[in-house]
Amino acid sequence: DRDFDDIVKDAIAAAHGKNAKAIKALLDVDTLKASKNQKADVEKAIKALTEAEDSKMLFGEDQPAPVGKIGAIGKVTGGTSGDSFLDSIRAAAGLPVNQNNNGGNNGNN
C-alpha cells in the first residue's frame, strides 16, 4: 500500500501536479491497486487527467507571485508630483496641470 502511494505521489510530481490530494481523488485507486503494472497504469491515468478539460487545471507549473508594492485602494504612488493622479486626469480633460505641488489647491480650480 505504501509502495502504491509512492508510485502515485511520484507520478503526480512528474506531471507537475498542483494538488496531490485532489488529483488522487480523481483516480480509480482500487482499479489501479489491482493492476499488474501499477506504475505504467498510474502514469497513464494521470496523463489522461492532464489532458481532460475538467482536471487539466490541476497540473502545470506554479505561477510566480506578482512582485511590487501593494498600497491602499485608489492610492497612487510614485511620479514627480504628489497629485500625479489628479494631474493626469486634469491633463486628459484639457485642464491646466497643477505646477506648484500644493495639494492641487493653487487657486485656479
Protein backbone atom coordinates (compact mmCIF):
# COMPACT_ATOMS: atom_id res chain seq x y z
CA ASP A 1 0.00 0.00 0.00
CA ARG A 2 2.88 2.34 0.81
CA ASP A 3 4.59 1.38 -2.45
CA PHE A 4 1.42 2.23 -4.35
CA ASP A 5 1.16 5.61 -2.61
CA ASP A 6 4.78 6.34 -3.54
CA ILE A 7 4.08 5.44 -7.18
CA VAL A 8 1.08 7.79 -7.24
CA LYS A 9 3.00 10.57 -5.47
CA ASP A 10 5.95 10.29 -7.88
CA ALA A 11 3.69 10.22 -10.94
CA ILE A 12 1.79 13.30 -9.77
CA ALA A 13 5.07 15.15 -9.11
CA ALA A 14 6.42 14.16 -12.54
CA ALA A 15 3.25 15.57 -14.15
CA HIS A 16 3.66 18.83 -12.18
CA GLY A 17 0.52 18.22 -10.13
CA LYS A 18 -0.51 21.22 -8.06
CA ASN A 19 -2.75 19.42 -5.53
CA ALA A 20 -1.88 15.76 -4.98
CA LYS A 21 -4.89 15.10 -2.74
CA ALA A 22 -7.36 16.41 -5.36
CA ILE A 23 -5.64 14.51 -8.16
CA LYS A 24 -5.61 11.25 -6.21
CA ALA A 25 -9.34 11.67 -5.50
CA LEU A 26 -9.96 11.65 -9.26
CA LEU A 27 -8.11 8.36 -9.77
CA ASP A 28 -9.79 4.96 -9.62
CA VAL A 29 -7.49 3.84 -6.82
CA ASP A 30 -8.99 0.36 -6.38
CA THR A 31 -8.55 -0.49 -10.06
CA LEU A 32 -5.02 0.92 -10.11
CA LYS A 33 -4.04 -1.01 -6.95
CA ALA A 34 -5.28 -4.25 -8.57
CA SER A 35 -3.29 -3.57 -11.74
CA LYS A 36 -0.38 -5.86 -12.62
CA ASN A 37 1.66 -2.92 -13.90
CA GLN A 38 0.77 -0.23 -11.38
CA LYS A 39 3.44 2.27 -12.35
CA ALA A 40 2.54 2.35 -16.04
CA ASP A 41 -1.20 2.38 -15.35
CA VAL A 42 -0.93 5.19 -12.78
CA GLU A 43 1.14 7.26 -15.20
CA LYS A 44 -1.41 6.60 -17.95
CA ALA A 45 -4.32 7.61 -15.68
CA ILE A 46 -2.56 10.81 -14.62
CA LYS A 47 -1.71 11.63 -18.24
CA ALA A 48 -5.42 11.31 -19.04
CA LEU A 49 -6.20 13.75 -16.21
CA THR A 50 -3.65 16.26 -17.53
CA GLU A 51 -5.48 16.30 -20.86
CA ALA A 52 -9.09 16.27 -19.60
CA GLU A 53 -10.89 19.64 -19.65
CA ASP A 54 -12.27 19.23 -16.14
CA SER A 55 -8.95 18.35 -14.48
CA LYS A 56 -6.09 19.82 -16.52
CA MET A 57 -6.01 22.92 -14.29
CA LEU A 58 -4.63 20.71 -11.52
CA PHE A 59 -1.36 20.36 -13.44
CA GLY A 60 1.34 22.70 -14.66
CA GLU A 61 4.00 24.98 -13.30
CA ASP A 62 3.02 27.23 -10.42
CA GLN A 63 2.78 30.87 -11.39
CA PRO A 64 5.23 33.12 -9.57
CA ALA A 65 3.72 35.61 -7.15
CA PRO A 66 3.46 39.14 -8.54
CA VAL A 67 6.21 41.49 -7.45
CA GLY A 68 5.56 45.07 -6.42
CA LYS A 69 4.07 47.30 -3.80
CA ILE A 70 0.52 46.89 -2.66
CA GLY A 71 -0.95 50.12 -1.39
CA ALA A 72 -4.29 51.38 -0.28
CA ILE A 73 -7.11 51.06 -2.77
CA GLY A 74 -7.13 54.09 -5.02
CA LYS A 75 -3.79 55.37 -3.74
CA VAL A 76 -1.34 56.25 -6.47
CA THR A 77 2.31 56.15 -5.57
CA GLY A 78 5.32 57.37 -7.47
CA GLY A 79 5.63 60.10 -10.08
CA THR A 80 7.08 63.58 -9.72
CA SER A 81 4.02 65.26 -8.28
CA GLY A 82 2.17 64.35 -5.12
CA ASP A 83 -1.00 64.76 -7.16
CA SER A 84 0.11 62.76 -10.21
CA PHE A 85 -3.25 61.01 -10.44
CA LEU A 86 -5.17 64.28 -10.35
CA ASP A 87 -2.66 65.85 -12.72
CA SER A 88 -3.20 63.07 -15.25
CA ILE A 89 -6.98 63.49 -15.01
CA ARG A 90 -6.68 67.26 -15.46
CA ALA A 91 -4.39 66.78 -18.47
CA ALA A 92 -6.79 64.27 -20.02
CA ALA A 93 -9.64 66.75 -19.56
CA GLY A 94 -7.61 69.52 -21.21
CA LEU A 95 -7.27 71.48 -17.95
CA PRO A 96 -4.02 73.02 -16.73
CA VAL A 97 -1.89 70.66 -14.67
CA ASN A 98 -1.04 71.73 -11.13
CA GLN A 99 2.58 73.00 -11.25
CA ASN A 100 3.21 74.09 -7.65
CA ASN A 101 2.55 70.77 -5.84
CA ASN A 102 0.49 72.26 -3.03
CA GLY A 103 -2.12 69.57 -2.92
CA GLY A 104 -3.99 70.68 -6.01
CA ASN A 105 -5.19 73.83 -4.30
CA ASN A 106 -3.49 76.55 -6.36
CA GLY A 107 -6.48 78.85 -6.61
CA ASN A 108 -7.09 78.03 -10.28
CA ASN A 109 -9.70 75.30 -9.66
